[in-house]
N, C-alpha and C. Protein backbone atom coordinates (compact mmCIF):
# COMPACT_ATOMS: atom_id res chain seq x y z
N MET A 1 0.82 -1.19 0.00
CA MET A 1 0.00 0.00 0.00
C MET A 1 0.87 1.26 0.00
N ARG A 2 1.93 1.24 0.88
CA ARG A 2 2.84 2.37 0.92
C ARG A 2 3.53 2.57 -0.42
N LYS A 3 3.93 1.45 -1.01
CA LYS A 3 4.62 1.51 -2.29
C LYS A 3 3.73 2.14 -3.35
N LEU A 4 2.46 1.79 -3.35
CA LEU A 4 1.51 2.33 -4.31
C LEU A 4 1.32 3.83 -4.09
N LEU A 5 1.24 4.26 -2.84
CA LEU A 5 1.08 5.68 -2.51
C LEU A 5 2.30 6.47 -2.97
N PHE A 6 3.49 5.89 -2.74
CA PHE A 6 4.74 6.54 -3.14
C PHE A 6 4.79 6.71 -4.67
N LEU A 7 4.44 5.65 -5.41
CA LEU A 7 4.43 5.70 -6.88
C LEU A 7 3.43 6.72 -7.41
N SER A 8 2.26 6.79 -6.77
CA SER A 8 1.24 7.76 -7.21
C SER A 8 1.72 9.18 -7.02
N THR A 9 2.37 9.45 -5.86
CA THR A 9 2.88 10.80 -5.58
C THR A 9 3.97 11.17 -6.58
N ALA A 10 4.88 10.23 -6.85
CA ALA A 10 5.98 10.48 -7.80
C ALA A 10 5.42 10.76 -9.20
N LEU A 11 4.40 10.02 -9.60
CA LEU A 11 3.78 10.21 -10.91
C LEU A 11 3.12 11.58 -11.01
N LEU A 12 2.43 11.96 -9.94
CA LEU A 12 1.78 13.27 -9.90
C LEU A 12 2.79 14.41 -10.01
N LEU A 13 3.90 14.31 -9.28
CA LEU A 13 4.94 15.34 -9.33
C LEU A 13 5.57 15.43 -10.72
N SER A 14 5.87 14.29 -11.32
CA SER A 14 6.46 14.27 -12.67
C SER A 14 5.54 14.93 -13.67
N THR A 15 4.23 14.60 -13.59
CA THR A 15 3.26 15.19 -14.51
C THR A 15 3.20 16.71 -14.35
N ALA A 16 3.22 17.19 -13.10
CA ALA A 16 3.16 18.62 -12.83
C ALA A 16 4.39 19.32 -13.40
N LEU A 17 5.58 18.72 -13.20
CA LEU A 17 6.81 19.32 -13.71
C LEU A 17 6.83 19.37 -15.23
N LEU A 18 6.40 18.31 -15.89
CA LEU A 18 6.35 18.29 -17.36
C LEU A 18 5.38 19.32 -17.90
N ALA A 19 4.24 19.47 -17.24
CA ALA A 19 3.25 20.46 -17.68
C ALA A 19 3.82 21.86 -17.57
N GLN A 20 4.55 22.13 -16.47
CA GLN A 20 5.14 23.46 -16.27
C GLN A 20 6.19 23.74 -17.33
N LYS A 21 7.03 22.73 -17.62
CA LYS A 21 8.07 22.88 -18.63
C LYS A 21 7.46 23.11 -20.01
N GLY A 22 6.40 22.38 -20.34
CA GLY A 22 5.71 22.54 -21.63
C GLY A 22 5.14 23.93 -21.78
N LYS A 23 4.59 24.46 -20.70
CA LYS A 23 4.01 25.81 -20.72
C LYS A 23 5.10 26.84 -20.99
N GLY A 24 6.26 26.63 -20.35
CA GLY A 24 7.39 27.56 -20.56
C GLY A 24 7.87 27.52 -21.99
N ASN A 25 7.99 26.32 -22.58
CA ASN A 25 8.41 26.20 -23.97
C ASN A 25 7.41 26.83 -24.92
N GLN A 26 6.11 26.65 -24.61
CA GLN A 26 5.05 27.22 -25.45
C GLN A 26 5.15 28.75 -25.42
N GLN A 27 5.39 29.33 -24.24
CA GLN A 27 5.52 30.79 -24.10
C GLN A 27 6.74 31.28 -24.89
N LYS A 28 7.86 30.52 -24.77
CA LYS A 28 9.09 30.90 -25.48
C LYS A 28 8.86 30.88 -26.98
N SER A 29 8.16 29.85 -27.48
CA SER A 29 7.86 29.74 -28.90
C SER A 29 7.06 30.94 -29.38
N ARG A 30 6.04 31.30 -28.63
CA ARG A 30 5.18 32.43 -29.00
C ARG A 30 6.00 33.73 -29.06
N GLU A 31 6.90 33.91 -28.06
CA GLU A 31 7.73 35.11 -28.03
C GLU A 31 8.67 35.15 -29.22
N ASP A 32 9.21 33.99 -29.61
CA ASP A 32 10.11 33.94 -30.76
C ASP A 32 9.39 34.35 -32.04
N VAL A 33 8.17 33.86 -32.24
CA VAL A 33 7.40 34.17 -33.45
C VAL A 33 7.05 35.65 -33.51
N LEU A 34 6.63 36.19 -32.36
CA LEU A 34 6.21 37.60 -32.32
C LEU A 34 7.38 38.56 -32.17
N GLY A 35 8.55 38.03 -31.86
CA GLY A 35 9.71 38.89 -31.67
C GLY A 35 9.69 39.66 -30.37
N THR A 36 8.95 39.13 -29.37
CA THR A 36 8.86 39.83 -28.09
C THR A 36 9.71 39.20 -27.02
N GLY A 37 10.37 38.12 -27.34
CA GLY A 37 11.19 37.43 -26.35
C GLY A 37 12.38 38.27 -25.93
N SER A 38 12.88 38.02 -24.74
CA SER A 38 14.04 38.78 -24.28
C SER A 38 15.29 38.25 -24.97
N ARG A 39 16.20 39.17 -25.33
CA ARG A 39 17.43 38.75 -25.98
C ARG A 39 18.53 38.64 -24.95
N THR A 40 19.36 37.66 -25.13
CA THR A 40 20.47 37.48 -24.21
C THR A 40 21.51 38.54 -24.51
N GLU A 41 21.89 39.28 -23.49
CA GLU A 41 22.88 40.35 -23.66
C GLU A 41 24.24 39.74 -23.90
N GLN A 42 24.96 40.29 -24.87
CA GLN A 42 26.29 39.81 -25.19
C GLN A 42 27.24 40.21 -24.07
N PRO A 43 28.11 39.33 -23.63
CA PRO A 43 29.06 39.70 -22.57
C PRO A 43 29.89 40.91 -22.97
N ALA A 44 30.19 41.77 -21.98
CA ALA A 44 30.91 43.02 -22.25
C ALA A 44 32.25 42.76 -22.91
N ALA A 45 32.94 41.71 -22.50
CA ALA A 45 34.25 41.40 -23.07
C ALA A 45 34.13 41.11 -24.55
N THR A 46 33.06 40.38 -24.95
CA THR A 46 32.87 40.05 -26.36
C THR A 46 32.61 41.31 -27.18
N LYS A 47 31.77 42.21 -26.65
CA LYS A 47 31.48 43.46 -27.35
C LYS A 47 32.76 44.25 -27.56
N LYS A 48 33.58 44.32 -26.49
CA LYS A 48 34.83 45.07 -26.57
C LYS A 48 35.74 44.46 -27.62
N ASP A 49 35.85 43.11 -27.62
CA ASP A 49 36.69 42.43 -28.60
C ASP A 49 36.23 42.73 -30.01
N LYS A 50 34.88 42.76 -30.22
CA LYS A 50 34.35 43.03 -31.55
C LYS A 50 34.69 44.44 -32.00
N ARG A 51 34.55 45.43 -31.06
CA ARG A 51 34.88 46.81 -31.38
C ARG A 51 36.35 46.94 -31.74
N THR A 52 37.21 46.28 -30.98
CA THR A 52 38.65 46.35 -31.23
C THR A 52 38.97 45.77 -32.59
N LYS A 53 38.31 44.66 -32.95
CA LYS A 53 38.56 44.03 -34.25
C LYS A 53 38.14 44.97 -35.37
N GLU A 54 36.95 45.63 -35.22
CA GLU A 54 36.47 46.54 -36.25
C GLU A 54 37.42 47.72 -36.41
N GLN A 55 37.93 48.25 -35.28
CA GLN A 55 38.83 49.39 -35.36
C GLN A 55 40.14 49.00 -36.02
N SER A 56 40.65 47.80 -35.69
CA SER A 56 41.94 47.39 -36.24
C SER A 56 41.86 47.12 -37.73
N THR A 57 40.72 46.63 -38.22
CA THR A 57 40.59 46.36 -39.65
C THR A 57 40.13 47.59 -40.41
N GLY A 58 39.67 48.63 -39.69
CA GLY A 58 39.18 49.83 -40.36
C GLY A 58 37.82 49.63 -40.97
N GLN A 59 37.14 48.57 -40.61
CA GLN A 59 35.83 48.26 -41.20
C GLN A 59 34.79 49.29 -40.77
N GLN A 60 34.06 49.83 -41.73
CA GLN A 60 32.97 50.75 -41.42
C GLN A 60 31.71 49.93 -41.22
N THR A 61 31.07 50.09 -40.05
CA THR A 61 29.87 49.31 -39.80
C THR A 61 28.61 50.16 -39.77
N ASP A 62 28.75 51.48 -39.92
CA ASP A 62 27.60 52.35 -39.78
C ASP A 62 27.04 52.84 -41.11
N ARG A 63 27.50 52.29 -42.23
CA ARG A 63 27.03 52.77 -43.52
C ARG A 63 26.17 51.76 -44.25
N GLY A 64 25.80 50.69 -43.55
CA GLY A 64 25.04 49.63 -44.20
C GLY A 64 23.73 50.09 -44.80
N ASN A 65 23.11 51.15 -44.26
CA ASN A 65 21.83 51.63 -44.78
C ASN A 65 21.98 52.81 -45.73
N ASP A 66 23.20 53.18 -46.07
CA ASP A 66 23.43 54.32 -46.95
C ASP A 66 23.17 53.90 -48.40
N PRO A 67 22.17 54.50 -49.05
CA PRO A 67 21.86 54.10 -50.43
C PRO A 67 23.00 54.30 -51.41
N VAL A 68 23.93 55.20 -51.09
CA VAL A 68 25.08 55.43 -51.99
C VAL A 68 25.89 54.15 -52.15
N TRP A 69 25.97 53.35 -51.08
CA TRP A 69 26.80 52.15 -51.12
C TRP A 69 26.02 50.87 -51.36
N SER A 70 24.70 50.91 -51.32
CA SER A 70 23.95 49.66 -51.49
C SER A 70 24.19 49.07 -52.87
N GLY A 71 24.38 47.76 -52.88
CA GLY A 71 24.60 47.06 -54.15
C GLY A 71 26.01 47.12 -54.67
N THR A 72 26.92 47.81 -53.95
CA THR A 72 28.30 47.86 -54.42
C THR A 72 29.03 46.59 -54.02
N HIS A 73 30.12 46.31 -54.70
CA HIS A 73 30.88 45.09 -54.43
C HIS A 73 31.75 45.27 -53.20
N GLY A 74 31.90 44.22 -52.44
CA GLY A 74 32.82 44.26 -51.30
C GLY A 74 32.26 44.99 -50.11
N VAL A 75 33.12 45.64 -49.38
CA VAL A 75 32.76 46.27 -48.11
C VAL A 75 31.90 47.49 -48.34
N GLN A 76 30.80 47.61 -47.55
CA GLN A 76 29.93 48.76 -47.65
C GLN A 76 30.69 50.01 -47.23
N GLY A 77 30.90 50.93 -48.15
CA GLY A 77 31.51 52.20 -47.78
C GLY A 77 33.02 52.18 -47.66
N GLY A 78 33.63 51.04 -47.85
CA GLY A 78 35.08 50.97 -47.81
C GLY A 78 35.64 51.00 -46.40
N LYS A 79 36.95 51.17 -46.31
CA LYS A 79 37.64 51.18 -45.02
C LYS A 79 37.95 52.61 -44.62
N ALA A 80 37.80 52.89 -43.32
CA ALA A 80 38.08 54.24 -42.81
C ALA A 80 39.52 54.61 -43.11
N SER A 81 39.75 55.89 -43.39
CA SER A 81 41.08 56.34 -43.77
C SER A 81 41.42 57.63 -43.05
N LYS A 82 42.68 57.74 -42.61
CA LYS A 82 43.13 58.96 -41.94
C LYS A 82 44.16 59.71 -42.78
N ASN A 83 44.91 59.01 -43.61
CA ASN A 83 46.02 59.64 -44.34
C ASN A 83 45.77 59.67 -45.84
N GLN A 84 45.04 60.67 -46.27
CA GLN A 84 44.77 60.81 -47.70
C GLN A 84 45.97 61.51 -48.36
N PRO A 85 46.22 61.20 -49.65
CA PRO A 85 47.30 61.90 -50.35
C PRO A 85 47.03 63.41 -50.37
N ALA A 86 48.10 64.21 -50.35
CA ALA A 86 47.98 65.67 -50.34
C ALA A 86 47.19 66.17 -51.54
N LYS A 87 47.38 65.52 -52.70
CA LYS A 87 46.66 65.94 -53.91
C LYS A 87 45.15 65.73 -53.76
N VAL A 88 44.79 64.65 -53.09
CA VAL A 88 43.36 64.35 -52.88
C VAL A 88 42.75 65.38 -51.94
N ARG A 89 43.44 65.67 -50.84
CA ARG A 89 42.94 66.66 -49.88
C ARG A 89 42.81 68.04 -50.51
N ALA A 90 43.81 68.43 -51.30
CA ALA A 90 43.78 69.75 -51.95
C ALA A 90 42.64 69.84 -52.95
N ALA A 91 42.44 68.78 -53.72
CA ALA A 91 41.36 68.78 -54.71
C ALA A 91 40.00 68.85 -54.03
N PHE A 92 39.84 68.12 -52.93
CA PHE A 92 38.57 68.14 -52.21
C PHE A 92 38.30 69.53 -51.63
N ALA A 93 39.33 70.15 -51.04
CA ALA A 93 39.18 71.49 -50.47
C ALA A 93 38.81 72.50 -51.55
N ARG A 94 39.35 72.32 -52.75
CA ARG A 94 39.03 73.21 -53.87
C ARG A 94 37.60 72.98 -54.36
N ASP A 95 37.20 71.71 -54.48
CA ASP A 95 35.88 71.38 -55.01
C ASP A 95 34.75 71.69 -54.02
N TYR A 96 35.01 71.46 -52.74
CA TYR A 96 33.95 71.60 -51.72
C TYR A 96 34.50 72.37 -50.51
N PRO A 97 34.66 73.68 -50.64
CA PRO A 97 35.31 74.46 -49.57
C PRO A 97 34.46 74.66 -48.31
N ASN A 98 33.15 74.63 -48.41
CA ASN A 98 32.30 74.98 -47.25
C ASN A 98 31.44 73.83 -46.75
N VAL A 99 31.99 72.64 -46.75
CA VAL A 99 31.19 71.49 -46.31
C VAL A 99 31.55 71.14 -44.87
N THR A 100 30.68 70.33 -44.24
CA THR A 100 30.90 69.95 -42.84
C THR A 100 30.81 68.44 -42.67
N ALA A 101 31.21 67.98 -41.49
CA ALA A 101 31.11 66.56 -41.10
C ALA A 101 31.71 65.64 -42.16
N VAL A 102 32.96 65.90 -42.51
CA VAL A 102 33.64 65.10 -43.55
C VAL A 102 34.22 63.83 -42.93
N SER A 103 33.95 62.69 -43.56
CA SER A 103 34.59 61.43 -43.14
C SER A 103 35.19 60.78 -44.39
N TRP A 104 36.41 60.31 -44.25
CA TRP A 104 37.15 59.73 -45.36
C TRP A 104 37.17 58.21 -45.28
N SER A 105 37.15 57.58 -46.45
CA SER A 105 37.34 56.13 -46.52
C SER A 105 38.00 55.80 -47.85
N LYS A 106 38.42 54.57 -47.97
CA LYS A 106 39.03 54.12 -49.23
C LYS A 106 38.18 52.99 -49.78
N TYR A 107 37.90 53.07 -51.07
CA TYR A 107 37.02 52.08 -51.68
C TYR A 107 37.48 51.77 -53.09
N ARG A 108 37.77 50.50 -53.35
CA ARG A 108 38.19 50.04 -54.68
C ARG A 108 39.36 50.85 -55.22
N GLY A 109 40.31 51.19 -54.36
CA GLY A 109 41.51 51.91 -54.78
C GLY A 109 41.36 53.41 -54.85
N ASP A 110 40.15 53.92 -54.68
CA ASP A 110 39.91 55.37 -54.70
C ASP A 110 39.67 55.89 -53.29
N TRP A 111 39.77 57.19 -53.12
CA TRP A 111 39.53 57.85 -51.84
C TRP A 111 38.15 58.48 -51.88
N THR A 112 37.37 58.28 -50.84
CA THR A 112 36.02 58.84 -50.82
C THR A 112 35.85 59.75 -49.61
N ALA A 113 35.26 60.91 -49.85
CA ALA A 113 34.94 61.86 -48.78
C ALA A 113 33.43 61.99 -48.72
N THR A 114 32.85 61.64 -47.58
CA THR A 114 31.40 61.77 -47.38
C THR A 114 31.18 62.99 -46.49
N PHE A 115 30.26 63.87 -46.89
CA PHE A 115 30.16 65.17 -46.22
C PHE A 115 28.75 65.73 -46.31
N ASN A 116 28.47 66.69 -45.42
CA ASN A 116 27.21 67.43 -45.46
C ASN A 116 27.41 68.67 -46.33
N HIS A 117 26.46 68.86 -47.24
CA HIS A 117 26.52 70.01 -48.15
C HIS A 117 25.12 70.62 -48.17
N GLY A 118 24.89 71.62 -47.34
CA GLY A 118 23.53 72.15 -47.20
C GLY A 118 22.66 71.11 -46.52
N LEU A 119 21.54 70.78 -47.14
CA LEU A 119 20.62 69.80 -46.55
C LEU A 119 20.91 68.38 -47.01
N THR A 120 21.89 68.22 -47.87
CA THR A 120 22.17 66.88 -48.42
C THR A 120 23.48 66.33 -47.86
N ARG A 121 23.63 65.01 -48.00
CA ARG A 121 24.89 64.34 -47.65
C ARG A 121 25.38 63.66 -48.92
N SER A 122 26.59 63.98 -49.31
CA SER A 122 27.14 63.48 -50.57
C SER A 122 28.44 62.74 -50.33
N THR A 123 28.86 61.98 -51.34
CA THR A 123 30.14 61.28 -51.30
C THR A 123 30.89 61.59 -52.59
N ALA A 124 32.09 62.18 -52.45
CA ALA A 124 32.94 62.47 -53.60
C ALA A 124 34.02 61.41 -53.69
N VAL A 125 34.27 60.92 -54.89
CA VAL A 125 35.25 59.85 -55.11
C VAL A 125 36.43 60.41 -55.89
N TYR A 126 37.63 60.24 -55.34
CA TYR A 126 38.86 60.79 -55.95
C TYR A 126 39.86 59.69 -56.24
N HIS A 127 40.55 59.83 -57.39
CA HIS A 127 41.70 58.98 -57.66
C HIS A 127 42.88 59.51 -56.84
N ALA A 128 43.92 58.72 -56.69
CA ALA A 128 45.07 59.10 -55.86
C ALA A 128 45.77 60.36 -56.37
N ASN A 129 45.64 60.65 -57.68
CA ASN A 129 46.29 61.84 -58.24
C ASN A 129 45.48 63.13 -58.01
N GLY A 130 44.36 63.02 -57.29
CA GLY A 130 43.54 64.20 -57.00
C GLY A 130 42.43 64.45 -58.00
N GLU A 131 42.34 63.62 -59.03
CA GLU A 131 41.27 63.78 -60.02
C GLU A 131 39.96 63.25 -59.45
N ARG A 132 38.93 64.10 -59.49
CA ARG A 132 37.63 63.66 -58.97
C ARG A 132 36.93 62.80 -60.01
N ARG A 133 36.57 61.62 -59.59
CA ARG A 133 35.87 60.69 -60.48
C ARG A 133 34.41 61.09 -60.60
N ASP A 134 33.73 61.21 -59.44
CA ASP A 134 32.33 61.62 -59.43
C ASP A 134 31.91 61.99 -58.02
N THR A 135 30.71 62.53 -57.90
CA THR A 135 30.10 62.83 -56.60
C THR A 135 28.72 62.22 -56.61
N ARG A 136 28.38 61.52 -55.52
CA ARG A 136 27.13 60.77 -55.45
C ARG A 136 26.28 61.30 -54.30
N THR A 137 25.01 61.54 -54.60
CA THR A 137 24.09 62.08 -53.59
C THR A 137 22.77 61.33 -53.66
N ALA A 138 22.33 60.80 -52.52
CA ALA A 138 21.01 60.16 -52.46
C ALA A 138 19.96 61.26 -52.57
N VAL A 139 19.00 61.07 -53.46
CA VAL A 139 17.97 62.08 -53.68
C VAL A 139 16.59 61.42 -53.63
N PRO A 140 15.55 62.20 -53.34
CA PRO A 140 14.20 61.62 -53.35
C PRO A 140 13.76 61.28 -54.77
N GLN A 141 12.83 60.35 -54.90
CA GLN A 141 12.35 59.94 -56.22
C GLN A 141 11.75 61.10 -56.99
N SER A 142 11.25 62.11 -56.28
CA SER A 142 10.62 63.26 -56.95
C SER A 142 11.61 64.03 -57.81
N GLN A 143 12.92 63.84 -57.59
CA GLN A 143 13.93 64.55 -58.39
C GLN A 143 14.29 63.80 -59.68
N VAL A 144 13.77 62.61 -59.83
CA VAL A 144 14.03 61.84 -61.05
C VAL A 144 13.09 62.35 -62.15
N PRO A 145 13.65 62.69 -63.33
CA PRO A 145 12.78 63.14 -64.43
C PRO A 145 11.68 62.11 -64.72
N ARG A 146 10.49 62.63 -64.98
CA ARG A 146 9.33 61.76 -65.22
C ARG A 146 9.57 60.81 -66.39
N SER A 147 10.33 61.26 -67.38
CA SER A 147 10.60 60.41 -68.56
C SER A 147 11.34 59.13 -68.16
N ILE A 148 12.20 59.21 -67.15
CA ILE A 148 12.94 58.03 -66.70
C ILE A 148 12.00 57.05 -66.01
N VAL A 149 11.17 57.56 -65.12
CA VAL A 149 10.21 56.70 -64.41
C VAL A 149 9.29 56.01 -65.41
N ASP A 150 8.77 56.79 -66.38
CA ASP A 150 7.87 56.21 -67.40
C ASP A 150 8.57 55.12 -68.20
N GLU A 151 9.84 55.36 -68.54
CA GLU A 151 10.61 54.39 -69.33
C GLU A 151 10.78 53.08 -68.55
N ILE A 152 11.11 53.19 -67.27
CA ILE A 152 11.31 51.98 -66.45
C ILE A 152 10.01 51.20 -66.35
N LEU A 153 8.92 51.89 -66.05
CA LEU A 153 7.64 51.20 -65.87
C LEU A 153 7.12 50.61 -67.18
N LYS A 154 7.43 51.25 -68.30
CA LYS A 154 7.00 50.74 -69.61
C LYS A 154 7.76 49.46 -69.97
N ARG A 155 9.06 49.47 -69.74
CA ARG A 155 9.89 48.32 -70.10
C ARG A 155 9.80 47.18 -69.10
N ARG A 156 9.53 47.50 -67.83
CA ARG A 156 9.55 46.50 -66.77
C ARG A 156 8.26 46.58 -65.97
N ALA A 157 7.23 46.01 -66.48
CA ALA A 157 5.92 46.05 -65.80
C ALA A 157 6.03 45.43 -64.42
N GLY A 158 5.39 46.04 -63.44
CA GLY A 158 5.39 45.53 -62.09
C GLY A 158 6.63 45.87 -61.29
N THR A 159 7.46 46.76 -61.82
CA THR A 159 8.69 47.13 -61.13
C THR A 159 8.41 48.14 -60.03
N ARG A 160 9.08 47.95 -58.88
CA ARG A 160 9.01 48.94 -57.81
C ARG A 160 10.32 49.72 -57.81
N ILE A 161 10.23 51.04 -57.73
CA ILE A 161 11.42 51.89 -57.72
C ILE A 161 11.80 52.19 -56.28
N GLY A 162 13.09 52.00 -55.97
CA GLY A 162 13.59 52.23 -54.61
C GLY A 162 14.48 53.45 -54.54
N ASP A 163 15.64 53.29 -53.87
CA ASP A 163 16.57 54.40 -53.66
C ASP A 163 17.10 54.96 -54.98
N VAL A 164 17.33 56.27 -54.98
CA VAL A 164 17.89 56.93 -56.15
C VAL A 164 19.15 57.68 -55.72
N VAL A 165 20.22 57.52 -56.50
CA VAL A 165 21.47 58.25 -56.26
C VAL A 165 21.78 59.06 -57.51
N ARG A 166 21.97 60.38 -57.32
CA ARG A 166 22.34 61.24 -58.45
C ARG A 166 23.86 61.31 -58.52
N ILE A 167 24.41 61.07 -59.70
CA ILE A 167 25.86 61.06 -59.90
C ILE A 167 26.22 62.22 -60.83
N GLU A 168 27.18 63.03 -60.40
CA GLU A 168 27.69 64.07 -61.29
C GLU A 168 29.20 64.05 -61.23
N GLY A 169 29.84 64.42 -62.32
CA GLY A 169 31.30 64.39 -62.35
C GLY A 169 31.85 65.27 -63.43
N PRO A 170 33.14 65.62 -63.34
CA PRO A 170 33.75 66.54 -64.31
C PRO A 170 33.76 66.00 -65.74
N LYS A 171 33.72 64.68 -65.90
CA LYS A 171 33.76 64.11 -67.26
C LYS A 171 32.40 63.66 -67.75
N LEU A 172 31.36 63.90 -66.96
CA LEU A 172 30.01 63.49 -67.37
C LEU A 172 29.29 64.66 -68.04
N ALA A 173 28.65 64.37 -69.16
CA ALA A 173 27.93 65.42 -69.90
C ALA A 173 26.73 65.92 -69.11
N SER A 174 26.09 65.03 -68.36
CA SER A 174 24.94 65.42 -67.54
C SER A 174 24.86 64.51 -66.33
N HIS A 175 23.97 64.83 -65.42
CA HIS A 175 23.77 63.96 -64.26
C HIS A 175 23.36 62.57 -64.72
N ILE A 176 23.75 61.59 -63.92
CA ILE A 176 23.27 60.22 -64.13
C ILE A 176 22.51 59.83 -62.87
N PHE A 177 21.41 59.14 -63.05
CA PHE A 177 20.62 58.67 -61.92
C PHE A 177 20.80 57.16 -61.80
N ARG A 178 21.23 56.73 -60.63
CA ARG A 178 21.35 55.30 -60.34
C ARG A 178 20.10 54.92 -59.54
N ILE A 179 19.28 54.04 -60.13
CA ILE A 179 17.98 53.73 -59.56
C ILE A 179 17.91 52.26 -59.19
N ARG A 180 17.56 52.01 -57.92
CA ARG A 180 17.39 50.63 -57.47
C ARG A 180 15.97 50.20 -57.78
N THR A 181 15.83 49.10 -58.49
CA THR A 181 14.50 48.59 -58.84
C THR A 181 14.34 47.17 -58.33
N THR A 182 13.10 46.81 -58.04
CA THR A 182 12.79 45.45 -57.64
C THR A 182 11.66 44.92 -58.50
N GLN A 183 11.89 43.77 -59.11
CA GLN A 183 10.88 43.14 -59.95
C GLN A 183 10.87 41.64 -59.67
N ASN A 184 9.72 41.13 -59.27
CA ASN A 184 9.59 39.71 -58.93
C ASN A 184 10.64 39.27 -57.90
N GLY A 185 10.91 40.12 -56.93
CA GLY A 185 11.85 39.78 -55.87
C GLY A 185 13.31 39.94 -56.23
N THR A 186 13.61 40.36 -57.45
CA THR A 186 14.99 40.55 -57.90
C THR A 186 15.34 42.04 -57.92
N THR A 187 16.46 42.39 -57.28
CA THR A 187 16.89 43.79 -57.23
C THR A 187 17.90 44.06 -58.33
N SER A 188 17.72 45.19 -59.02
CA SER A 188 18.65 45.62 -60.07
C SER A 188 18.96 47.09 -59.86
N TYR A 189 20.11 47.52 -60.39
CA TYR A 189 20.50 48.93 -60.35
C TYR A 189 20.63 49.41 -61.79
N LEU A 190 19.81 50.39 -62.14
CA LEU A 190 19.78 50.91 -63.50
C LEU A 190 20.34 52.33 -63.53
N PHE A 191 20.98 52.68 -64.64
CA PHE A 191 21.57 54.01 -64.79
C PHE A 191 20.91 54.72 -65.97
N TYR A 192 20.46 55.96 -65.73
CA TYR A 192 19.83 56.78 -66.77
C TYR A 192 20.44 58.17 -66.75
N ASN A 193 20.63 58.74 -67.96
CA ASN A 193 21.09 60.14 -68.00
C ASN A 193 19.87 61.06 -67.87
N ALA A 194 20.13 62.36 -67.80
CA ALA A 194 19.06 63.33 -67.57
C ALA A 194 18.06 63.38 -68.72
N ARG A 195 18.46 62.87 -69.90
CA ARG A 195 17.55 62.86 -71.06
C ARG A 195 16.63 61.64 -71.06
N GLY A 196 16.79 60.77 -70.07
CA GLY A 196 15.92 59.60 -69.97
C GLY A 196 16.43 58.40 -70.72
N GLU A 197 17.71 58.42 -71.12
CA GLU A 197 18.29 57.29 -71.86
C GLU A 197 19.05 56.38 -70.88
N GLN A 198 18.84 55.08 -71.03
CA GLN A 198 19.57 54.15 -70.16
C GLN A 198 21.02 54.09 -70.62
N VAL A 199 21.94 54.15 -69.66
CA VAL A 199 23.37 54.16 -69.98
C VAL A 199 24.08 53.13 -69.11
N ASN A 200 25.33 52.82 -69.47
CA ASN A 200 26.19 51.98 -68.64
C ASN A 200 27.12 52.89 -67.83
N TYR A 201 27.33 52.54 -66.59
CA TYR A 201 28.25 53.34 -65.77
C TYR A 201 28.95 52.42 -64.79
N ASP A 202 30.29 52.55 -64.71
CA ASP A 202 31.07 51.73 -63.79
C ASP A 202 31.03 52.37 -62.42
N TYR A 203 30.04 51.98 -61.65
CA TYR A 203 29.80 52.57 -60.33
C TYR A 203 30.78 52.00 -59.32
């Protein structure tokens, strides 16, 4: 009789514990789906190690959402740079004398200066000899000539137009618009001149 009572009590306790554990797992599952679950904080030492690694490699981690760099090959925005050639610095000072918040990086062998110019933020790209390749500025879709939008929608039915970057440079006859498009889940970057003609450009 005692043995039977002991077994019944043990069975009851096991059932209660399993039910409690199941309820906890069910709650955790729901939080995961809704994205409301608590996140485990990364240990301070790990965060510090990660920051040190980023600083030592010069990796820029804060430009991932910058439309100027989206879709480019390799590292977003290039590597941070402190020592630009004198010719590059002089050319930039001549081209953009009254700009603020300048940050330099190196990308695909060229030097890039990202800066505030009035209400806009632009990126100028220079070769090592001080020759400016181009300047890129993210602009609202409203600045894209209507003929370009019509051309894209006519040729690519169902296309959604995303970020737009206006490119101007000393060797370009007119502005070029770099337009991110999405069609059937596929993202493409198209280049159009101010006359509404599609062009090729080595971005």
